């Protein structure tokens, strides 16, 4: 059953991912301070107007889903991470790229403002 709240999600999240999930949440909120925190697709989602970014905790990585357009824009900076059209995997055993994450969230906001 999909979690309905962030707290429920975190209670079921792999324990090793919890510190990085908290860090990811803080980074997103730094770049999107007026975001509403909701659950979409069973994972934590930050929304501001039409802009949404999703993130999730797994055994070996944090999944980040800022939209394909954002990933395409930053693809040259993502070469050291596993990524696909709509997702990026940040390994739990390496520091999160804080500046890059914040810039991706800011770019997502910029894109939604132009929709």
Protein backbone atom coordinates (compact mmCIF):
# COMPACT_ATOMS: atom_id res chain seq x y z
CA UNK A 1 0.00 0.00 0.00
CA UNK A 2 1.35 3.42 -0.96
CA UNK A 3 2.18 5.83 1.83
CA UNK A 4 -0.26 8.70 2.22
CA UNK A 5 2.05 10.98 4.22
CA UNK A 6 5.75 11.78 4.32
CA UNK A 7 5.94 10.33 7.81
CA UNK A 8 4.42 7.02 6.64
CA UNK A 9 6.84 6.94 3.73
CA UNK A 10 9.84 7.55 5.99
CA UNK A 11 8.70 4.83 8.42
CA UNK A 12 8.87 2.30 5.57
CA UNK A 13 11.95 3.74 3.85
CA UNK A 14 15.17 1.69 4.01
CA UNK A 15 16.91 2.83 7.20
CA UNK A 16 20.20 3.45 5.39
CA UNK A 17 18.47 5.99 3.14
CA UNK A 18 16.95 8.08 5.94
CA UNK A 19 19.84 10.56 6.40
CA UNK A 20 20.08 11.23 2.65
CA UNK A 21 16.29 11.53 2.38
CA UNK A 22 16.36 14.22 5.08
CA UNK A 23 19.22 15.97 3.29
CA UNK A 24 17.42 15.79 -0.07
CA UNK A 25 14.27 17.22 1.48
CA UNK A 26 16.24 20.13 2.96
CA UNK A 27 18.03 20.85 -0.34
CA UNK A 28 14.77 20.92 -2.26
CA UNK A 29 13.19 23.22 0.32
CA UNK A 30 16.18 25.57 0.11
CA UNK A 31 15.58 25.96 -3.62
CA UNK A 32 11.77 25.81 -3.40
CA UNK A 33 11.03 27.32 0.05
CA UNK A 34 7.31 27.82 -0.52
CA UNK A 35 6.78 24.25 -1.71
CA UNK A 36 3.90 22.13 -0.55
CA UNK A 37 4.96 18.65 0.48
CA UNK A 38 2.60 16.02 -0.86
CA UNK A 39 2.68 12.37 -1.83
CA UNK A 40 2.36 11.55 -5.53
CA UNK A 41 2.96 8.16 -7.10
CA UNK A 42 3.56 6.88 -3.56
CA UNK A 43 6.70 9.00 -3.05
CA UNK A 44 7.49 12.40 -1.50
CA UNK A 45 6.83 15.28 -3.87
CA UNK A 46 7.50 18.99 -3.51
CA UNK A 47 5.14 21.23 -5.44
CA UNK A 48 5.11 24.95 -6.07
CA UNK A 49 2.36 25.92 -8.47
CA UNK A 50 2.73 23.55 -11.43
CA UNK A 51 6.34 22.71 -10.60
CA UNK A 52 6.90 19.34 -9.00
CA UNK A 53 9.97 17.31 -8.12
CA UNK A 54 9.79 13.83 -6.65
CA UNK A 55 12.34 11.87 -4.65
CA UNK A 56 12.49 8.43 -3.08
CA UNK A 57 14.74 6.34 -0.86
CA UNK A 58 16.04 2.91 -1.84
CA UNK A 59 18.55 0.44 -0.39
CA UNK A 60 21.48 1.78 -2.42
CA UNK A 61 20.45 5.21 -3.68
CA UNK A 62 18.13 8.21 -3.57
CA UNK A 63 15.98 8.50 -6.67
CA UNK A 64 15.37 12.04 -7.90
CA UNK A 65 12.72 12.83 -10.50
CA UNK A 66 12.88 16.50 -11.58
CA UNK A 67 11.33 15.91 -15.09
CA UNK A 68 13.01 14.86 -18.34
CA UNK A 69 13.52 18.48 -19.42
CA UNK A 70 15.57 19.24 -16.32
CA UNK A 71 17.65 16.09 -16.70
CA UNK A 72 18.34 16.88 -20.34
CA UNK A 73 19.42 20.41 -19.43
CA UNK A 74 21.90 19.15 -16.80
CA UNK A 75 22.97 15.90 -18.48
CA UNK A 76 26.62 16.95 -18.82
CA UNK A 77 26.83 17.43 -15.05
CA UNK A 78 25.21 14.05 -14.40
CA UNK A 79 27.90 11.93 -16.04
CA UNK A 80 29.08 10.44 -12.74
CA UNK A 81 25.56 9.27 -11.81
CA UNK A 82 23.21 6.66 -13.19
CA UNK A 83 20.40 8.49 -14.91
CA UNK A 84 17.67 7.99 -17.48
CA UNK A 85 15.12 10.17 -19.22
CA UNK A 86 13.17 10.98 -16.06
CA UNK A 87 15.29 9.82 -13.14
CA UNK A 88 18.65 10.19 -11.45
CA UNK A 89 20.18 7.85 -8.88
CA UNK A 90 22.36 9.39 -6.18
CA UNK A 91 24.25 6.57 -4.38
CA UNK A 92 23.93 6.46 -0.61
CA UNK A 93 27.68 5.99 -0.19
CA UNK A 94 28.63 9.33 -1.79
CA UNK A 95 27.73 12.91 -0.84
CA UNK A 96 24.68 14.40 -2.50
CA UNK A 97 25.65 17.04 -5.08
CA UNK A 98 23.92 19.83 -3.16
CA UNK A 99 24.59 22.68 -5.57
CA UNK A 100 23.51 20.62 -8.58
CA UNK A 101 20.29 19.47 -6.90
CA UNK A 102 19.37 23.03 -5.92
CA UNK A 103 20.10 24.30 -9.44
CA UNK A 104 17.95 21.54 -10.93
CA UNK A 105 15.05 22.45 -8.64
CA UNK A 106 15.46 26.14 -9.49
CA UNK A 107 15.47 25.28 -13.20
CA UNK A 108 12.31 23.21 -12.71
CA UNK A 109 10.67 26.27 -11.15
CA UNK A 110 11.85 28.41 -14.05
CA UNK A 111 10.41 25.97 -16.59
CA UNK A 112 7.03 25.88 -14.87
CA UNK A 113 6.90 29.69 -14.73
CA UNK A 114 7.18 29.72 -18.52
CA UNK A 115 4.39 27.16 -19.10
